[in-house]
């Protein structure tokens, strides 16, 4: 089941400058693994060594924050739109 993944500007260089890609995935973990297969180095930019999302990365499925669903194990279905949003800091 393909899902649309919106890639934030800081990570677009990893996806050949694509702002949106489609991947097959049953859940968020599967999506991250498939993004890594297609775009080597992508997963290491948003996940720690154990494969869990860095605290500064937020993911939304159809505008719902996965932190309030089932986190990385949140299921995906055909046509879902996924937003990956890195937290910004500054002063």
PDB file of N, CA and C in Angstrom:
ATOM      1  N   UNK A   1       0.828  -1.171   0.000  1.00  0.00           N
ATOM      2  CA  UNK A   1       0.000   0.000   0.000  1.00  0.00           C
ATOM      3  C   UNK A   1       0.878   1.241   0.000  1.00  0.00           C
ATOM      4  N   UNK A   2       0.845   2.034  -1.056  1.00  0.00           N
ATOM      5  CA  UNK A   2       1.690   3.223  -1.099  1.00  0.00           C
ATOM      6  C   UNK A   2       1.136   4.362  -0.253  1.00  0.00           C
ATOM      7  N   UNK A   3       2.050   5.035   0.418  1.00  0.00           N
ATOM      8  CA  UNK A   3       1.715   6.245   1.174  1.00  0.00           C
ATOM      9  C   UNK A   3       2.581   7.375   0.635  1.00  0.00           C
ATOM     10  N   UNK A   4       2.087   8.596   0.755  1.00  0.00           N
ATOM     11  CA  UNK A   4       2.841   9.780   0.351  1.00  0.00           C
ATOM     12  C   UNK A   4       3.588  10.295   1.570  1.00  0.00           C
ATOM     13  N   UNK A   5       4.876  10.508   1.411  1.00  0.00           N
ATOM     14  CA  UNK A   5       5.694  11.015   2.505  1.00  0.00           C
ATOM     15  C   UNK A   5       6.233  12.382   2.104  1.00  0.00           C
ATOM     16  N   UNK A   6       5.860  13.405   2.854  1.00  0.00           N
ATOM     17  CA  UNK A   6       6.357  14.752   2.613  1.00  0.00           C
ATOM     18  C   UNK A   6       7.694  14.914   3.315  1.00  0.00           C
ATOM     19  N   UNK A   7       8.700  15.269   2.538  1.00  0.00           N
ATOM     20  CA  UNK A   7      10.068  15.361   3.025  1.00  0.00           C
ATOM     21  C   UNK A   7      10.393  16.819   3.338  1.00  0.00           C
ATOM     22  N   UNK A   8      10.825  17.119   4.564  1.00  0.00           N
ATOM     23  CA  UNK A   8      11.169  18.504   4.900  1.00  0.00           C
ATOM     24  C   UNK A   8      12.441  18.949   4.171  1.00  0.00           C
ATOM     25  N   UNK A   9      12.552  20.225   3.950  1.00  0.00           N
ATOM     26  CA  UNK A   9      13.688  20.798   3.212  1.00  0.00           C
ATOM     27  C   UNK A   9      15.052  20.301   3.683  1.00  0.00           C
ATOM     28  N   UNK A  10      15.308  20.226   5.004  1.00  0.00           N
ATOM     29  CA  UNK A  10      16.650  19.792   5.434  1.00  0.00           C
ATOM     30  C   UNK A  10      17.016  18.363   4.999  1.00  0.00           C
ATOM     31  N   UNK A  11      16.017  17.542   4.644  1.00  0.00           N
ATOM     32  CA  UNK A  11      16.290  16.154   4.279  1.00  0.00           C
ATOM     33  C   UNK A  11      16.094  15.874   2.790  1.00  0.00           C
ATOM     34  N   UNK A  12      15.712  16.884   2.024  1.00  0.00           N
ATOM     35  CA  UNK A  12      15.448  16.659   0.604  1.00  0.00           C
ATOM     36  C   UNK A  12      16.696  16.282  -0.184  1.00  0.00           C
ATOM     37  N   UNK A  13      17.858  16.681   0.282  1.00  0.00           N
ATOM     38  CA  UNK A  13      19.078  16.278  -0.435  1.00  0.00           C
ATOM     39  C   UNK A  13      19.263  14.767  -0.388  1.00  0.00           C
ATOM     40  N   UNK A  14      18.676  14.117   0.612  1.00  0.00           N
ATOM     41  CA  UNK A  14      18.756  12.657   0.729  1.00  0.00           C
ATOM     42  C   UNK A  14      17.790  11.942  -0.209  1.00  0.00           C
ATOM     43  N   UNK A  15      16.792  12.676  -0.709  1.00  0.00           N
ATOM     44  CA  UNK A  15      15.774  12.084  -1.592  1.00  0.00           C
ATOM     45  C   UNK A  15      15.854  12.673  -2.993  1.00  0.00           C
ATOM     46  N   UNK A  16      17.061  12.982  -3.444  1.00  0.00           N
ATOM     47  CA  UNK A  16      17.284  13.560  -4.778  1.00  0.00           C
ATOM     48  C   UNK A  16      16.469  14.840  -4.967  1.00  0.00           C
ATOM     49  N   UNK A  17      16.373  15.623  -3.903  1.00  0.00           N
ATOM     50  CA  UNK A  17      15.659  16.905  -3.895  1.00  0.00           C
ATOM     51  C   UNK A  17      14.147  16.786  -4.111  1.00  0.00           C
ATOM     52  N   UNK A  18      13.599  15.618  -3.850  1.00  0.00           N
ATOM     53  CA  UNK A  18      12.146  15.441  -3.928  1.00  0.00           C
ATOM     54  C   UNK A  18      11.508  15.911  -2.631  1.00  0.00           C
ATOM     55  N   UNK A  19      10.444  16.687  -2.734  1.00  0.00           N
ATOM     56  CA  UNK A  19       9.740  17.139  -1.532  1.00  0.00           C
ATOM     57  C   UNK A  19       8.660  16.149  -1.108  1.00  0.00           C
ATOM     58  N   UNK A  20       8.336  15.210  -1.995  1.00  0.00           N
ATOM     59  CA  UNK A  20       7.373  14.161  -1.655  1.00  0.00           C
ATOM     60  C   UNK A  20       7.778  12.882  -2.378  1.00  0.00           C
ATOM     61  N   UNK A  21       7.707  11.761  -1.653  1.00  0.00           N
ATOM     62  CA  UNK A  21       7.997  10.455  -2.250  1.00  0.00           C
ATOM     63  C   UNK A  21       6.879   9.497  -1.863  1.00  0.00           C
ATOM     64  N   UNK A  22       6.729   8.440  -2.636  1.00  0.00           N
ATOM     65  CA  UNK A  22       5.761   7.396  -2.317  1.00  0.00           C
ATOM     66  C   UNK A  22       6.517   6.137  -1.943  1.00  0.00           C
ATOM     67  N   UNK A  23       6.080   5.497  -0.873  1.00  0.00           N
ATOM     68  CA  UNK A  23       6.680   4.236  -0.449  1.00  0.00           C
ATOM     69  C   UNK A  23       5.577   3.270  -0.025  1.00  0.00           C
ATOM     70  N   UNK A  24       5.878   2.006  -0.131  1.00  0.00           N
ATOM     71  CA  UNK A  24       4.991   0.959   0.361  1.00  0.00           C
ATOM     72  C   UNK A  24       5.298   0.770   1.834  1.00  0.00           C
ATOM     73  N   UNK A  25       4.269   0.741   2.671  1.00  0.00           N
ATOM     74  CA  UNK A  25       4.514   0.569   4.101  1.00  0.00           C
ATOM     75  C   UNK A  25       3.237   0.189   4.831  1.00  0.00           C
ATOM     76  N   UNK A  26       3.370  -0.715   5.791  1.00  0.00           N
ATOM     77  CA  UNK A  26       2.240  -1.131   6.618  1.00  0.00           C
ATOM     78  C   UNK A  26       2.141  -0.294   7.890  1.00  0.00           C
ATOM     79  N   UNK A  27       3.289   0.247   8.341  1.00  0.00           N
ATOM     80  CA  UNK A  27       3.315   1.103   9.532  1.00  0.00           C
ATOM     81  C   UNK A  27       4.511   2.046   9.433  1.00  0.00           C
ATOM     82  N   UNK A  28       4.682   2.891  10.421  1.00  0.00           N
ATOM     83  CA  UNK A  28       5.751   3.889  10.386  1.00  0.00           C
ATOM     84  C   UNK A  28       7.138   3.235  10.362  1.00  0.00           C
ATOM     85  N   UNK A  29       7.352   2.199  11.157  1.00  0.00           N
ATOM     86  CA  UNK A  29       8.651   1.512  11.146  1.00  0.00           C
ATOM     87  C   UNK A  29       8.959   0.962   9.759  1.00  0.00           C
ATOM     88  N   UNK A  30       7.964   0.357   9.138  1.00  0.00           N
ATOM     89  CA  UNK A  30       8.100  -0.181   7.788  1.00  0.00           C
ATOM     90  C   UNK A  30       8.413   0.949   6.804  1.00  0.00           C
ATOM     91  N   UNK A  31       7.743   2.068   6.952  1.00  0.00           N
ATOM     92  CA  UNK A  31       7.982   3.230   6.088  1.00  0.00           C
ATOM     93  C   UNK A  31       9.428   3.705   6.209  1.00  0.00           C
ATOM     94  N   UNK A  32       9.920   3.795   7.447  1.00  0.00           N
ATOM     95  CA  UNK A  32      11.302   4.239   7.666  1.00  0.00           C
ATOM     96  C   UNK A  32      12.299   3.272   7.045  1.00  0.00           C
ATOM     97  N   UNK A  33      12.047   1.977   7.193  1.00  0.00           N
ATOM     98  CA  UNK A  33      12.932   0.975   6.598  1.00  0.00           C
ATOM     99  C   UNK A  33      12.924   1.073   5.078  1.00  0.00           C
ATOM    100  N   UNK A  34      11.750   1.261   4.494  1.00  0.00           N
ATOM    101  CA  UNK A  34      11.650   1.350   3.036  1.00  0.00           C
ATOM    102  C   UNK A  34      12.245   2.645   2.505  1.00  0.00           C
ATOM    103  N   UNK A  35      12.112   3.728   3.253  1.00  0.00           N
ATOM    104  CA  UNK A  35      12.782   4.966   2.863  1.00  0.00           C
ATOM    105  C   UNK A  35      14.291   4.774   2.875  1.00  0.00           C
ATOM    106  N   UNK A  36      14.785   4.059   3.863  1.00  0.00           N
ATOM    107  CA  UNK A  36      16.226   3.798   3.951  1.00  0.00           C
ATOM    108  C   UNK A  36      16.701   2.959   2.769  1.00  0.00           C
ATOM    109  N   UNK A  37      15.902   1.961   2.366  1.00  0.00           N
ATOM    110  CA  UNK A  37      16.283   1.127   1.212  1.00  0.00           C
ATOM    111  C   UNK A  37      16.363   1.956  -0.067  1.00  0.00           C
ATOM    112  N   UNK A  38      15.405   2.852  -0.236  1.00  0.00           N
ATOM    113  CA  UNK A  38      15.357   3.670  -1.445  1.00  0.00           C
ATOM    114  C   UNK A  38      16.328   4.844  -1.397  1.00  0.00           C
ATOM    115  N   UNK A  39      16.527   5.383  -0.202  1.00  0.00           N
ATOM    116  CA  UNK A  39      17.382   6.561  -0.028  1.00  0.00           C
ATOM    117  C   UNK A  39      18.356   6.309   1.125  1.00  0.00           C
ATOM    118  N   UNK A  40      19.438   5.579   0.872  1.00  0.00           N
ATOM    119  CA  UNK A  40      20.389   5.241   1.933  1.00  0.00           C
ATOM    120  C   UNK A  40      20.850   6.473   2.716  1.00  0.00           C
ATOM    121  N   UNK A  41      20.834   6.327   4.037  1.00  0.00           N
ATOM    122  CA  UNK A  41      21.239   7.397   4.934  1.00  0.00           C
ATOM    123  C   UNK A  41      20.069   8.187   5.499  1.00  0.00           C
ATOM    124  N   UNK A  42      18.882   7.999   4.934  1.00  0.00           N
ATOM    125  CA  UNK A  42      17.715   8.757   5.383  1.00  0.00           C
ATOM    126  C   UNK A  42      17.352   8.413   6.824  1.00  0.00           C
ATOM    127  N   UNK A  43      17.257   7.134   7.120  1.00  0.00           N
ATOM    128  CA  UNK A  43      16.798   6.707   8.447  1.00  0.00           C
ATOM    129  C   UNK A  43      17.748   7.170   9.553  1.00  0.00           C
ATOM    130  N   UNK A  44      19.035   7.140   9.283  1.00  0.00           N
ATOM    131  CA  UNK A  44      19.994   7.541  10.323  1.00  0.00           C
ATOM    132  C   UNK A  44      19.890   9.024  10.664  1.00  0.00           C
ATOM    133  N   UNK A  45      19.288   9.821   9.786  1.00  0.00           N
ATOM    134  CA  UNK A  45      19.107  11.250  10.058  1.00  0.00           C
ATOM    135  C   UNK A  45      17.933  11.523  10.987  1.00  0.00           C
ATOM    136  N   UNK A  46      16.964  10.579  11.042  1.00  0.00           N
ATOM    137  CA  UNK A  46      15.790  10.834  11.869  1.00  0.00           C
ATOM    138  C   UNK A  46      15.598   9.824  12.996  1.00  0.00           C
ATOM    139  N   UNK A  47      16.429   8.788  13.008  1.00  0.00           N
ATOM    140  CA  UNK A  47      16.309   7.751  14.044  1.00  0.00           C
ATOM    141  C   UNK A  47      17.626   7.566  14.793  1.00  0.00           C
ATOM    142  N   UNK A  48      17.514   7.054  16.022  1.00  0.00           N
ATOM    143  CA  UNK A  48      18.711   6.742  16.802  1.00  0.00           C
ATOM    144  C   UNK A  48      19.242   5.366  16.396  1.00  0.00           C
ATOM    145  N   UNK A  49      20.272   4.905  17.076  1.00  0.00           N
ATOM    146  CA  UNK A  49      20.902   3.626  16.741  1.00  0.00           C
ATOM    147  C   UNK A  49      19.965   2.432  16.928  1.00  0.00           C
ATOM    148  N   UNK A  50      18.931   2.591  17.757  1.00  0.00           N
ATOM    149  CA  UNK A  50      17.966   1.513  17.980  1.00  0.00           C
ATOM    150  C   UNK A  50      16.800   1.570  16.995  1.00  0.00           C
ATOM    151  N   UNK A  51      16.824   2.545  16.089  1.00  0.00           N
ATOM    152  CA  UNK A  51      15.774   2.656  15.089  1.00  0.00           C
ATOM    153  C   UNK A  51      14.547   3.425  15.537  1.00  0.00           C
ATOM    154  N   UNK A  52      14.622   4.066  16.687  1.00  0.00           N
ATOM    155  CA  UNK A  52      13.506   4.876  17.194  1.00  0.00           C
ATOM    156  C   UNK A  52      13.714   6.329  16.792  1.00  0.00           C
ATOM    157  N   UNK A  53      12.631   7.037  16.587  1.00  0.00           N
ATOM    158  CA  UNK A  53      12.709   8.435  16.169  1.00  0.00           C
ATOM    159  C   UNK A  53      13.464   9.286  17.182  1.00  0.00           C
ATOM    160  N   UNK A  54      14.286  10.191  16.652  1.00  0.00           N
ATOM    161  CA  UNK A  54      14.914  11.178  17.523  1.00  0.00           C
ATOM    162  C   UNK A  54      13.813  12.027  18.147  1.00  0.00           C
ATOM    163  N   UNK A  55      14.076  12.559  19.320  1.00  0.00           N
ATOM    164  CA  UNK A  55      13.082  13.372  20.027  1.00  0.00           C
ATOM    165  C   UNK A  55      12.713  14.635  19.258  1.00  0.00           C
ATOM    166  N   UNK A  56      13.594  15.100  18.394  1.00  0.00           N
ATOM    167  CA  UNK A  56      13.333  16.338  17.662  1.00  0.00           C
ATOM    168  C   UNK A  56      12.605  16.115  16.332  1.00  0.00           C
ATOM    169  N   UNK A  57      12.184  14.883  16.069  1.00  0.00           N
ATOM    170  CA  UNK A  57      11.445  14.571  14.840  1.00  0.00           C
ATOM    171  C   UNK A  57       9.987  14.279  15.193  1.00  0.00           C
ATOM    172  N   UNK A  58       9.084  14.949  14.516  1.00  0.00           N
ATOM    173  CA  UNK A  58       7.646  14.706  14.690  1.00  0.00           C
ATOM    174  C   UNK A  58       7.096  14.152  13.386  1.00  0.00           C
ATOM    175  N   UNK A  59       6.220  13.166  13.508  1.00  0.00           N
ATOM    176  CA  UNK A  59       5.590  12.580  12.325  1.00  0.00           C
ATOM    177  C   UNK A  59       4.087  12.650  12.490  1.00  0.00           C
ATOM    178  N   UNK A  60       3.439  13.070  11.424  1.00  0.00           N
ATOM    179  CA  UNK A  60       1.983  13.177  11.385  1.00  0.00           C
ATOM    180  C   UNK A  60       1.449  12.332  10.243  1.00  0.00           C
ATOM    181  N   UNK A  61       0.342  11.656  10.497  1.00  0.00           N
ATOM    182  CA  UNK A  61      -0.364  10.906   9.464  1.00  0.00           C
ATOM    183  C   UNK A  61      -1.709  11.590   9.286  1.00  0.00           C
ATOM    184  N   UNK A  62      -1.938  12.105   8.092  1.00  0.00           N
ATOM    185  CA  UNK A  62      -3.194  12.811   7.813  1.00  0.00           C
ATOM    186  C   UNK A  62      -3.494  13.828   8.922  1.00  0.00           C
ATOM    187  N   UNK A  63      -2.478  14.591   9.305  1.00  0.00           N
ATOM    188  CA  UNK A  63      -2.561  15.660  10.304  1.00  0.00           C
ATOM    189  C   UNK A  63      -2.697  15.176  11.743  1.00  0.00           C
ATOM    190  N   UNK A  64      -2.532  13.884  12.011  1.00  0.00           N
ATOM    191  CA  UNK A  64      -2.575  13.370  13.383  1.00  0.00           C
ATOM    192  C   UNK A  64      -1.177  12.991  13.838  1.00  0.00           C
ATOM    193  N   UNK A  65      -0.794  13.489  14.989  1.00  0.00           N
ATOM    194  CA  UNK A  65       0.523  13.240  15.566  1.00  0.00           C
ATOM    195  C   UNK A  65       0.617  11.778  16.013  1.00  0.00           C
ATOM    196  N   UNK A  66       1.632  11.056  15.530  1.00  0.00           N
ATOM    197  CA  UNK A  66       1.750   9.637  15.890  1.00  0.00           C
ATOM    198  C   UNK A  66       2.063   9.430  17.366  1.00  0.00           C
ATOM    199  N   UNK A  67       2.530  10.474  18.057  1.00  0.00           N
ATOM    200  CA  UNK A  67       2.791  10.346  19.496  1.00  0.00           C
ATOM    201  C   UNK A  67       1.503  10.068  20.268  1.00  0.00           C
ATOM    202  N   UNK A  68       0.365  10.460  19.686  1.00  0.00           N
ATOM    203  CA  UNK A  68      -0.930  10.245  20.334  1.00  0.00           C
ATOM    204  C   UNK A  68      -1.669   9.060  19.732  1.00  0.00           C
ATOM    205  N   UNK A  69      -0.992   8.343  18.835  1.00  0.00           N
ATOM    206  CA  UNK A  69      -1.562   7.126  18.246  1.00  0.00           C
ATOM    207  C   UNK A  69      -0.752   5.952  18.802  1.00  0.00           C
ATOM    208  N   UNK A  70      -0.042   5.246  17.929  1.00  0.00           N
ATOM    209  CA  UNK A  70       0.772   4.105  18.370  1.00  0.00           C
ATOM    210  C   UNK A  70       2.251   4.311  18.060  1.00  0.00           C
ATOM    211  N   UNK A  71       2.662   5.580  18.041  1.00  0.00           N
ATOM    212  CA  UNK A  71       4.049   5.977  17.778  1.00  0.00           C
ATOM    213  C   UNK A  71       4.563   5.319  16.496  1.00  0.00           C
ATOM    214  N   UNK A  72       5.757   4.739  16.516  1.00  0.00           N
ATOM    215  CA  UNK A  72       6.343   4.166  15.306  1.00  0.00           C
ATOM    216  C   UNK A  72       5.590   2.939  14.793  1.00  0.00           C
ATOM    217  N   UNK A  73       4.745   2.367  15.616  1.00  0.00           N
ATOM    218  CA  UNK A  73       3.989   1.186  15.203  1.00  0.00           C
ATOM    219  C   UNK A  73       2.610   1.547  14.644  1.00  0.00           C
ATOM    220  N   UNK A  74       2.347   2.845  14.479  1.00  0.00           N
ATOM    221  CA  UNK A  74       1.080   3.301  13.923  1.00  0.00           C
ATOM    222  C   UNK A  74       0.903   2.740  12.520  1.00  0.00           C
ATOM    223  N   UNK A  75      -0.244   2.122  12.281  1.00  0.00           N
ATOM    224  CA  UNK A  75      -0.540   1.521  10.978  1.00  0.00           C
ATOM    225  C   UNK A  75      -0.776   2.580   9.912  1.00  0.00           C
ATOM    226  N   UNK A  76      -0.402   2.235   8.693  1.00  0.00           N
ATOM    227  CA  UNK A  76      -0.643   3.096   7.533  1.00  0.00           C
ATOM    228  C   UNK A  76      -1.565   2.371   6.570  1.00  0.00           C
ATOM    229  N   UNK A  77      -2.329   3.155   5.818  1.00  0.00           N
ATOM    230  CA  UNK A  77      -3.180   2.549   4.798  1.00  0.00           C
ATOM    231  C   UNK A  77      -2.971   3.268   3.474  1.00  0.00           C
ATOM    232  N   UNK A  78      -3.379   2.646   2.426  1.00  0.00           N
ATOM    233  CA  UNK A  78      -3.220   3.164   1.078  1.00  0.00           C
ATOM    234  C   UNK A  78      -3.700   4.609   0.990  1.00  0.00           C
ATOM    235  N   UNK A  79      -2.843   5.479   0.476  1.00  0.00           N
ATOM    236  CA  UNK A  79      -3.210   6.871   0.287  1.00  0.00           C
ATOM    237  C   UNK A  79      -2.955   7.791   1.457  1.00  0.00           C
ATOM    238  N   UNK A  80      -2.504   7.268   2.592  1.00  0.00           N
ATOM    239  CA  UNK A  80      -2.197   8.137   3.729  1.00  0.00           C
ATOM    240  C   UNK A  80      -1.116   9.143   3.337  1.00  0.00           C
ATOM    241  N   UNK A  81      -1.185  10.320   3.955  1.00  0.00           N
ATOM    242  CA  UNK A  81      -0.161  11.333   3.748  1.00  0.00           C
ATOM    243  C   UNK A  81       0.601  11.518   5.049  1.00  0.00           C
ATOM    244  N   UNK A  82       1.903  11.332   4.958  1.00  0.00           N
ATOM    245  CA  UNK A  82       2.777  11.391   6.130  1.00  0.00           C
ATOM    246  C   UNK A  82       3.628  12.653   6.059  1.00  0.00           C
ATOM    247  N   UNK A  83       3.657  13.387   7.153  1.00  0.00           N
ATOM    248  CA  UNK A  83       4.502  14.567   7.259  1.00  0.00           C
ATOM    249  C   UNK A  83       5.622  14.279   8.251  1.00  0.00           C
ATOM    250  N   UNK A  84       6.847  14.527   7.850  1.00  0.00           N
ATOM    251  CA  UNK A  84       7.995  14.414   8.746  1.00  0.00           C
ATOM    252  C   UNK A  84       8.434  15.832   9.040  1.00  0.00           C
ATOM    253  N   UNK A  85       8.410  16.210  10.314  1.00  0.00           N
ATOM    254  CA  UNK A  85       8.715  17.589  10.683  1.00  0.00           C
ATOM    255  C   UNK A  85       9.811  17.607  11.753  1.00  0.00           C
ATOM    256  N   UNK A  86      10.994  18.133  11.390  1.00  0.00           N
ATOM    257  CA  UNK A  86      12.035  18.283  12.402  1.00  0.00           C
ATOM    258  C   UNK A  86      11.750  19.529  13.235  1.00  0.00           C
ATOM    259  N   UNK A  87      11.987  19.440  14.529  1.00  0.00           N
ATOM    260  CA  UNK A  87      11.815  20.595  15.403  1.00  0.00           C
ATOM    261  C   UNK A  87      12.910  21.610  15.076  1.00  0.00           C
ATOM    262  N   UNK A  88      12.551  22.860  15.144  1.00  0.00           N
ATOM    263  CA  UNK A  88      13.503  23.919  14.883  1.00  0.00           C
ATOM    264  C   UNK A  88      13.822  24.623  16.196  1.00  0.00           C
ATOM    265  N   UNK A  89      15.055  24.996  16.358  1.00  0.00           N
ATOM    266  CA  UNK A  89      15.467  25.710  17.562  1.00  0.00           C
ATOM    267  C   UNK A  89      16.184  26.983  17.152  1.00  0.00           C
ATOM    268  N   UNK A  90      16.175  27.889  18.009  1.00  0.00           N
ATOM    269  CA  UNK A  90      16.866  29.139  17.705  1.00  0.00           C
ATOM    270  C   UNK A  90      16.695  30.123  18.838  1.00  0.00           C
ATOM    271  N   UNK A  91      17.270  31.208  18.685  1.00  0.00           N
ATOM    272  CA  UNK A  91      17.164  32.174  19.758  1.00  0.00           C
ATOM    273  C   UNK A  91      17.303  33.571  19.276  1.00  0.00           C
TER     274      UNK A  91
END
